[in-house]
């Protein structure tokens, strides 16, 4: 919005300095509100639709150095089950510089909606960890 358009919102009886400061404040508020509204849509939240019994694999990048672990949880296990398929042991099990992605499976159990959150934390760290990705999973009947 141009400054000339913003001046119509300010009374004409205020001093020029006050008018300029008010205009600057109004411009800053408008710029700040538009910045906030644009960041809401750029989050890491995605929607997934599954049928009852359907399994979808989710692949997330991981460091592979063992310093952090990825955990997937569903806020409603009756609707969506989160699991991590067993991986065959590597040839060199002591080698930690393996940066393969982490694979999780989401399985639709019953009709409904569940939030699935993937977090990352250090193995000895308590708490839920840092959210890496969130999915809203809608399970539908066949």
N, C-alpha and C. Protein backbone atom coordinates (compact mmCIF):
# COMPACT_ATOMS: atom_id res chain seq x y z
N UNK A 1 0.84 -1.17 0.00
CA UNK A 1 0.00 0.00 0.00
C UNK A 1 0.89 1.23 0.00
N UNK A 2 0.60 2.20 -0.84
CA UNK A 2 1.41 3.39 -0.94
C UNK A 2 1.15 4.31 0.24
N UNK A 3 2.12 5.17 0.54
CA UNK A 3 2.00 6.09 1.66
C UNK A 3 0.85 7.07 1.44
N UNK A 4 0.58 7.46 0.20
CA UNK A 4 -0.51 8.41 -0.06
C UNK A 4 -1.85 7.79 0.26
N UNK A 5 -2.00 6.51 0.11
CA UNK A 5 -3.25 5.84 0.46
C UNK A 5 -3.41 5.72 1.97
N UNK A 6 -2.30 5.58 2.68
CA UNK A 6 -2.36 5.43 4.13
C UNK A 6 -2.73 6.74 4.82
N UNK A 7 -2.44 7.88 4.20
CA UNK A 7 -2.70 9.16 4.84
C UNK A 7 -4.19 9.42 5.03
N UNK A 8 -5.04 8.77 4.27
CA UNK A 8 -6.47 8.99 4.44
C UNK A 8 -6.99 8.42 5.76
N UNK A 9 -6.22 7.54 6.39
CA UNK A 9 -6.61 6.97 7.67
C UNK A 9 -6.20 7.84 8.86
N UNK A 10 -5.39 8.86 8.60
CA UNK A 10 -4.90 9.72 9.67
C UNK A 10 -5.66 11.04 9.67
N UNK A 11 -6.02 11.55 10.84
CA UNK A 11 -6.69 12.85 10.89
C UNK A 11 -5.76 13.97 10.43
N UNK A 12 -6.29 15.00 9.79
CA UNK A 12 -5.48 16.10 9.26
C UNK A 12 -5.04 17.08 10.34
N UNK A 13 -5.64 17.00 11.52
CA UNK A 13 -5.34 17.96 12.59
C UNK A 13 -4.06 17.63 13.36
N UNK A 14 -3.41 16.50 13.11
CA UNK A 14 -2.19 16.14 13.85
C UNK A 14 -0.99 16.84 13.23
N UNK A 15 0.06 17.02 14.05
CA UNK A 15 1.27 17.70 13.58
C UNK A 15 1.97 16.84 12.52
N UNK A 16 2.78 17.47 11.67
CA UNK A 16 3.47 16.71 10.62
C UNK A 16 4.38 15.61 11.17
N UNK A 17 5.04 15.87 12.30
CA UNK A 17 5.92 14.85 12.89
C UNK A 17 5.10 13.67 13.39
N UNK A 18 4.01 13.97 14.09
CA UNK A 18 3.14 12.91 14.59
C UNK A 18 2.51 12.14 13.43
N UNK A 19 2.15 12.87 12.41
CA UNK A 19 1.56 12.25 11.22
C UNK A 19 2.56 11.29 10.56
N UNK A 20 3.83 11.72 10.45
CA UNK A 20 4.87 10.88 9.85
C UNK A 20 5.12 9.63 10.70
N UNK A 21 5.16 9.82 12.02
CA UNK A 21 5.37 8.66 12.90
C UNK A 21 4.19 7.70 12.85
N UNK A 22 3.00 8.23 12.81
CA UNK A 22 1.81 7.39 12.71
C UNK A 22 1.80 6.62 11.40
N UNK A 23 2.19 7.31 10.33
CA UNK A 23 2.25 6.67 9.02
C UNK A 23 3.28 5.55 9.01
N UNK A 24 4.43 5.80 9.64
CA UNK A 24 5.48 4.79 9.72
C UNK A 24 5.01 3.58 10.54
N UNK A 25 4.33 3.85 11.66
CA UNK A 25 3.81 2.77 12.49
C UNK A 25 2.76 1.95 11.74
N UNK A 26 1.87 2.63 11.05
CA UNK A 26 0.83 1.95 10.29
C UNK A 26 1.42 1.09 9.17
N UNK A 27 2.43 1.63 8.50
CA UNK A 27 3.10 0.87 7.44
C UNK A 27 3.78 -0.37 8.02
N UNK A 28 4.44 -0.21 9.17
CA UNK A 28 5.10 -1.35 9.82
C UNK A 28 4.12 -2.42 10.25
N UNK A 29 2.98 -1.99 10.77
CA UNK A 29 1.96 -2.97 11.18
C UNK A 29 1.41 -3.72 9.99
N UNK A 30 1.16 -3.03 8.91
CA UNK A 30 0.67 -3.70 7.70
C UNK A 30 1.70 -4.68 7.14
N UNK A 31 2.95 -4.27 7.12
CA UNK A 31 4.00 -5.16 6.62
C UNK A 31 4.16 -6.37 7.53
N UNK A 32 4.09 -6.14 8.83
CA UNK A 32 4.22 -7.25 9.79
C UNK A 32 3.07 -8.23 9.70
N UNK A 33 1.86 -7.73 9.52
CA UNK A 33 0.71 -8.63 9.43
C UNK A 33 0.73 -9.44 8.15
N UNK A 34 1.21 -8.86 7.06
CA UNK A 34 1.28 -9.63 5.82
C UNK A 34 2.39 -10.67 5.89
N UNK A 35 3.46 -10.38 6.61
CA UNK A 35 4.53 -11.37 6.78
C UNK A 35 4.05 -12.54 7.61
N UNK A 36 3.26 -12.27 8.64
CA UNK A 36 2.75 -13.34 9.49
C UNK A 36 1.78 -14.23 8.73
N UNK A 37 0.94 -13.64 7.91
CA UNK A 37 -0.04 -14.46 7.21
C UNK A 37 0.61 -15.33 6.15
N UNK A 38 1.73 -14.90 5.59
CA UNK A 38 2.36 -15.72 4.56
C UNK A 38 3.15 -16.88 5.15
N UNK A 39 3.62 -16.77 6.39
CA UNK A 39 4.40 -17.86 6.97
C UNK A 39 3.52 -18.99 7.47
N UNK A 40 2.24 -18.73 7.73
CA UNK A 40 1.37 -19.78 8.23
C UNK A 40 1.19 -20.88 7.19
N UNK A 41 1.11 -20.53 5.93
CA UNK A 41 0.87 -21.53 4.89
C UNK A 41 2.13 -22.28 4.50
N UNK A 42 3.30 -21.79 4.92
CA UNK A 42 4.54 -22.43 4.49
C UNK A 42 5.07 -23.41 5.54
N UNK A 43 4.22 -23.85 6.46
CA UNK A 43 4.64 -24.78 7.49
C UNK A 43 4.92 -26.16 6.93
N UNK A 44 5.41 -27.06 7.78
CA UNK A 44 5.74 -28.41 7.34
C UNK A 44 4.60 -29.37 7.63
N UNK A 45 3.38 -28.90 7.59
CA UNK A 45 2.20 -29.72 7.85
C UNK A 45 1.60 -30.12 6.50
N UNK A 46 1.40 -31.43 6.31
CA UNK A 46 0.83 -31.94 5.07
C UNK A 46 -0.35 -32.83 5.38
N UNK A 47 -1.22 -32.97 4.39
CA UNK A 47 -2.37 -33.85 4.54
C UNK A 47 -2.15 -35.12 3.74
N UNK A 48 -2.58 -36.23 4.33
CA UNK A 48 -2.50 -37.54 3.67
C UNK A 48 -3.86 -38.20 3.81
N UNK A 49 -4.30 -38.84 2.73
CA UNK A 49 -5.54 -39.62 2.78
C UNK A 49 -5.19 -41.08 2.58
N UNK A 50 -5.72 -41.92 3.47
CA UNK A 50 -5.50 -43.37 3.42
C UNK A 50 -6.85 -44.07 3.46
N UNK A 51 -6.89 -45.27 2.94
CA UNK A 51 -8.04 -46.15 3.10
C UNK A 51 -7.76 -47.06 4.29
N UNK A 52 -8.82 -47.58 4.89
CA UNK A 52 -8.65 -48.53 5.99
C UNK A 52 -7.81 -49.71 5.49
N UNK A 53 -6.76 -50.05 6.20
CA UNK A 53 -5.87 -51.15 5.82
C UNK A 53 -4.72 -50.73 4.92
N UNK A 54 -4.77 -49.54 4.36
CA UNK A 54 -3.71 -49.08 3.46
C UNK A 54 -2.48 -48.65 4.26
N UNK A 55 -1.30 -48.90 3.68
CA UNK A 55 -0.03 -48.51 4.31
C UNK A 55 0.69 -47.55 3.38
N UNK A 56 1.18 -46.46 3.94
CA UNK A 56 1.96 -45.49 3.19
C UNK A 56 3.30 -45.31 3.87
N UNK A 57 4.35 -45.31 3.06
CA UNK A 57 5.70 -45.10 3.60
C UNK A 57 6.05 -43.62 3.58
N UNK A 58 6.65 -43.18 4.67
CA UNK A 58 7.13 -41.81 4.80
C UNK A 58 8.65 -41.88 4.97
N UNK A 59 9.37 -41.13 4.15
CA UNK A 59 10.82 -41.12 4.22
C UNK A 59 11.29 -39.75 4.70
N UNK A 60 12.08 -39.75 5.75
CA UNK A 60 12.63 -38.52 6.30
C UNK A 60 14.15 -38.61 6.32
N UNK A 61 14.80 -37.51 6.04
CA UNK A 61 16.27 -37.51 6.07
C UNK A 61 16.74 -37.56 7.52
N UNK A 62 17.83 -38.26 7.72
CA UNK A 62 18.41 -38.34 9.06
C UNK A 62 19.91 -38.14 8.95
N UNK A 63 20.51 -37.77 10.06
CA UNK A 63 21.95 -37.51 10.06
C UNK A 63 22.76 -38.78 9.83
N UNK A 64 22.30 -39.87 10.40
CA UNK A 64 23.00 -41.13 10.21
C UNK A 64 24.22 -41.30 11.08
N UNK A 65 24.52 -40.32 11.92
CA UNK A 65 25.71 -40.45 12.78
C UNK A 65 25.35 -40.92 14.18
N UNK A 66 24.08 -41.19 14.41
CA UNK A 66 23.66 -41.70 15.71
C UNK A 66 23.48 -40.63 16.76
N UNK A 67 23.74 -39.37 16.42
CA UNK A 67 23.63 -38.31 17.42
C UNK A 67 22.18 -37.91 17.66
N UNK A 68 21.28 -38.17 16.73
CA UNK A 68 19.88 -37.82 16.88
C UNK A 68 19.02 -38.99 16.43
N UNK A 69 17.85 -39.13 17.01
CA UNK A 69 16.94 -40.18 16.61
C UNK A 69 15.61 -39.58 16.18
N UNK A 70 14.97 -40.21 15.21
CA UNK A 70 13.67 -39.78 14.72
C UNK A 70 12.59 -40.64 15.35
N UNK A 71 11.51 -40.00 15.80
CA UNK A 71 10.41 -40.71 16.44
C UNK A 71 9.12 -40.27 15.76
N UNK A 72 8.28 -41.22 15.40
CA UNK A 72 6.98 -40.92 14.81
C UNK A 72 5.87 -41.34 15.74
N UNK A 73 4.92 -40.44 16.02
CA UNK A 73 3.81 -40.76 16.91
C UNK A 73 2.50 -40.28 16.31
N UNK A 74 1.43 -41.00 16.61
CA UNK A 74 0.08 -40.64 16.20
C UNK A 74 -0.69 -40.22 17.44
N UNK A 75 -1.47 -39.14 17.32
CA UNK A 75 -2.26 -38.72 18.48
C UNK A 75 -3.52 -39.57 18.64
N UNK A 76 -3.77 -40.47 17.69
CA UNK A 76 -4.92 -41.37 17.78
C UNK A 76 -4.54 -42.72 17.14
N UNK A 77 -3.99 -43.61 17.95
CA UNK A 77 -3.53 -44.92 17.47
C UNK A 77 -4.67 -45.79 16.95
N UNK A 78 -5.90 -45.48 17.33
CA UNK A 78 -7.05 -46.26 16.82
C UNK A 78 -7.35 -45.93 15.37
N UNK A 79 -6.88 -44.77 14.89
CA UNK A 79 -7.12 -44.35 13.51
C UNK A 79 -5.89 -44.61 12.64
N UNK A 80 -4.72 -44.19 13.11
CA UNK A 80 -3.48 -44.34 12.34
C UNK A 80 -2.40 -44.94 13.24
N UNK A 81 -1.78 -45.99 12.72
CA UNK A 81 -0.67 -46.63 13.43
C UNK A 81 0.63 -46.22 12.75
N UNK A 82 1.62 -45.81 13.54
CA UNK A 82 2.93 -45.42 13.02
C UNK A 82 3.94 -46.48 13.43
N UNK A 83 4.69 -46.98 12.46
CA UNK A 83 5.72 -47.97 12.78
C UNK A 83 6.94 -47.73 11.92
N UNK A 84 8.00 -48.36 12.31
CA UNK A 84 9.25 -48.28 11.55
C UNK A 84 9.65 -49.71 11.21
N UNK A 85 9.63 -50.06 9.93
CA UNK A 85 9.95 -51.44 9.57
C UNK A 85 11.37 -51.81 9.99
N UNK A 86 11.52 -53.06 10.37
CA UNK A 86 12.84 -53.54 10.77
C UNK A 86 13.77 -53.55 9.57
N UNK A 87 14.94 -53.01 9.77
CA UNK A 87 15.93 -52.98 8.70
C UNK A 87 16.92 -54.12 8.91
N UNK A 88 17.37 -54.69 7.82
CA UNK A 88 18.39 -55.73 7.91
C UNK A 88 19.67 -55.10 8.44
N UNK A 89 20.41 -55.81 9.30
CA UNK A 89 21.64 -55.23 9.84
C UNK A 89 22.66 -54.97 8.73
N UNK A 90 23.37 -53.89 8.88
CA UNK A 90 24.40 -53.55 7.90
C UNK A 90 25.57 -54.51 8.03
N UNK A 91 26.37 -54.57 7.01
CA UNK A 91 27.55 -55.44 7.02
C UNK A 91 28.50 -55.01 8.14
N UNK A 92 28.74 -53.70 8.24
CA UNK A 92 29.59 -53.18 9.29
C UNK A 92 28.70 -52.45 10.29
N UNK A 93 28.30 -53.11 11.36
CA UNK A 93 27.37 -52.52 12.33
C UNK A 93 28.01 -51.43 13.18
N UNK A 94 29.33 -51.33 13.20
CA UNK A 94 29.99 -50.28 13.97
C UNK A 94 30.13 -48.99 13.18
N UNK A 95 29.93 -49.04 11.89
CA UNK A 95 30.06 -47.87 11.05
C UNK A 95 28.87 -46.95 11.29
N UNK A 96 29.11 -45.70 11.73
CA UNK A 96 28.05 -44.76 12.05
C UNK A 96 27.89 -43.68 11.00
N UNK A 97 28.72 -43.58 10.00
CA UNK A 97 28.66 -42.52 9.00
C UNK A 97 27.69 -42.88 7.88
N UNK A 98 26.63 -43.55 8.23
CA UNK A 98 25.65 -44.01 7.26
C UNK A 98 24.48 -43.04 7.27
N UNK A 99 24.33 -42.24 6.22
CA UNK A 99 23.30 -41.20 6.21
C UNK A 99 22.08 -41.62 5.39
N UNK A 100 21.60 -42.82 5.59
CA UNK A 100 20.41 -43.29 4.90
C UNK A 100 19.18 -42.64 5.51
N UNK A 101 18.15 -42.41 4.71
CA UNK A 101 16.93 -41.81 5.27
C UNK A 101 16.18 -42.79 6.17
N UNK A 102 15.42 -42.23 7.10
CA UNK A 102 14.59 -43.04 7.99
C UNK A 102 13.26 -43.30 7.31
N UNK A 103 12.79 -44.53 7.35
CA UNK A 103 11.53 -44.91 6.71
C UNK A 103 10.53 -45.30 7.79
N UNK A 104 9.36 -44.68 7.73
CA UNK A 104 8.26 -44.98 8.64
C UNK A 104 7.07 -45.45 7.81
N UNK A 105 6.19 -46.22 8.44
CA UNK A 105 4.97 -46.66 7.78
C UNK A 105 3.77 -46.14 8.54
N UNK A 106 2.82 -45.57 7.79
CA UNK A 106 1.54 -45.14 8.36
C UNK A 106 0.49 -46.11 7.87
N UNK A 107 -0.29 -46.67 8.80
CA UNK A 107 -1.32 -47.62 8.43
C UNK A 107 -2.67 -47.11 8.91
N UNK A 108 -3.64 -47.07 7.97
CA UNK A 108 -4.99 -46.68 8.31
C UNK A 108 -5.69 -47.82 9.03
N UNK A 109 -6.15 -47.60 10.25
CA UNK A 109 -6.78 -48.64 11.06
C UNK A 109 -8.30 -48.52 10.99
N UNK A 110 -8.83 -47.38 11.38
CA UNK A 110 -10.28 -47.15 11.33
C UNK A 110 -10.55 -45.77 10.74
N UNK A 111 -11.78 -45.53 10.34
CA UNK A 111 -12.16 -44.26 9.75
C UNK A 111 -12.01 -43.13 10.78
N UNK A 112 -11.40 -42.04 10.37
CA UNK A 112 -11.21 -40.90 11.25
C UNK A 112 -10.02 -40.07 10.81
N UNK A 113 -9.62 -39.15 11.68
CA UNK A 113 -8.49 -38.26 11.41
C UNK A 113 -7.53 -38.30 12.59
N UNK A 114 -6.24 -38.29 12.29
CA UNK A 114 -5.21 -38.28 13.33
C UNK A 114 -4.06 -37.39 12.90
N UNK A 115 -3.40 -36.80 13.86
CA UNK A 115 -2.19 -36.02 13.62
C UNK A 115 -1.00 -36.93 13.86
N UNK A 116 -0.11 -37.01 12.89
CA UNK A 116 1.11 -37.80 13.02
C UNK A 116 2.27 -36.81 13.05
N UNK A 117 3.06 -36.89 14.12
CA UNK A 117 4.16 -35.95 14.32
C UNK A 117 5.47 -36.71 14.36
N UNK A 118 6.43 -36.24 13.58
CA UNK A 118 7.78 -36.80 13.58
C UNK A 118 8.69 -35.81 14.29
N UNK A 119 9.35 -36.30 15.33
CA UNK A 119 10.24 -35.45 16.11
C UNK A 119 11.65 -36.01 16.07
N UNK A 120 12.60 -35.14 16.38
CA UNK A 120 14.01 -35.51 16.38
C UNK A 120 14.60 -35.08 17.71
N UNK A 121 15.35 -35.99 18.34
CA UNK A 121 16.00 -35.66 19.60
C UNK A 121 17.23 -36.53 19.80
N UNK A 122 18.05 -36.12 20.75
CA UNK A 122 19.22 -36.92 21.10
C UNK A 122 18.76 -38.12 21.90
N UNK A 123 19.44 -39.27 21.78
CA UNK A 123 19.00 -40.48 22.47
C UNK A 123 18.82 -40.32 23.98
N UNK A 124 19.66 -39.55 24.64
CA UNK A 124 19.57 -39.41 26.10
C UNK A 124 18.65 -38.26 26.51
N UNK A 125 18.16 -37.49 25.55
CA UNK A 125 17.32 -36.33 25.83
C UNK A 125 15.92 -36.75 26.29
N UNK A 126 15.41 -36.06 27.31
CA UNK A 126 14.05 -36.33 27.76
C UNK A 126 13.10 -35.36 27.06
N UNK A 127 11.83 -35.68 27.08
CA UNK A 127 10.85 -34.83 26.42
C UNK A 127 10.54 -35.32 25.02
N UNK A 128 9.74 -34.54 24.32
CA UNK A 128 9.28 -34.98 23.01
C UNK A 128 10.25 -34.66 21.88
N UNK A 129 11.16 -33.74 22.05
CA UNK A 129 12.12 -33.40 21.00
C UNK A 129 11.61 -32.29 20.11
N UNK A 130 12.34 -32.03 19.03
CA UNK A 130 12.02 -30.96 18.09
C UNK A 130 11.19 -31.52 16.94
N UNK A 131 10.06 -30.87 16.65
CA UNK A 131 9.17 -31.33 15.58
C UNK A 131 9.85 -31.13 14.24
N UNK A 132 9.91 -32.20 13.46
CA UNK A 132 10.53 -32.14 12.13
C UNK A 132 9.48 -32.10 11.03
N UNK A 133 8.39 -32.84 11.20
CA UNK A 133 7.34 -32.90 10.18
C UNK A 133 6.04 -33.31 10.83
N UNK A 134 4.93 -32.75 10.36
CA UNK A 134 3.61 -33.09 10.88
C UNK A 134 2.68 -33.42 9.72
N UNK A 135 1.90 -34.46 9.88
CA UNK A 135 0.92 -34.87 8.88
C UNK A 135 -0.46 -34.94 9.53
N UNK A 136 -1.46 -34.48 8.81
CA UNK A 136 -2.85 -34.69 9.20
C UNK A 136 -3.33 -35.83 8.31
N UNK A 137 -3.59 -36.97 8.91
CA UNK A 137 -3.94 -38.18 8.16
C UNK A 137 -5.44 -38.45 8.29
N UNK A 138 -6.09 -38.50 7.15
CA UNK A 138 -7.52 -38.81 7.12
C UNK A 138 -7.69 -40.22 6.58
N UNK A 139 -8.32 -41.08 7.39
CA UNK A 139 -8.53 -42.47 6.98
C UNK A 139 -10.00 -42.62 6.58
N UNK A 140 -10.21 -43.18 5.37
CA UNK A 140 -11.55 -43.34 4.82
C UNK A 140 -11.84 -44.81 4.61
N UNK A 141 -13.13 -45.14 4.54
CA UNK A 141 -13.50 -46.54 4.29
C UNK A 141 -13.33 -46.86 2.82
N UNK A 142 -13.18 -48.15 2.53
CA UNK A 142 -12.96 -48.59 1.15
C UNK A 142 -14.19 -48.46 0.30
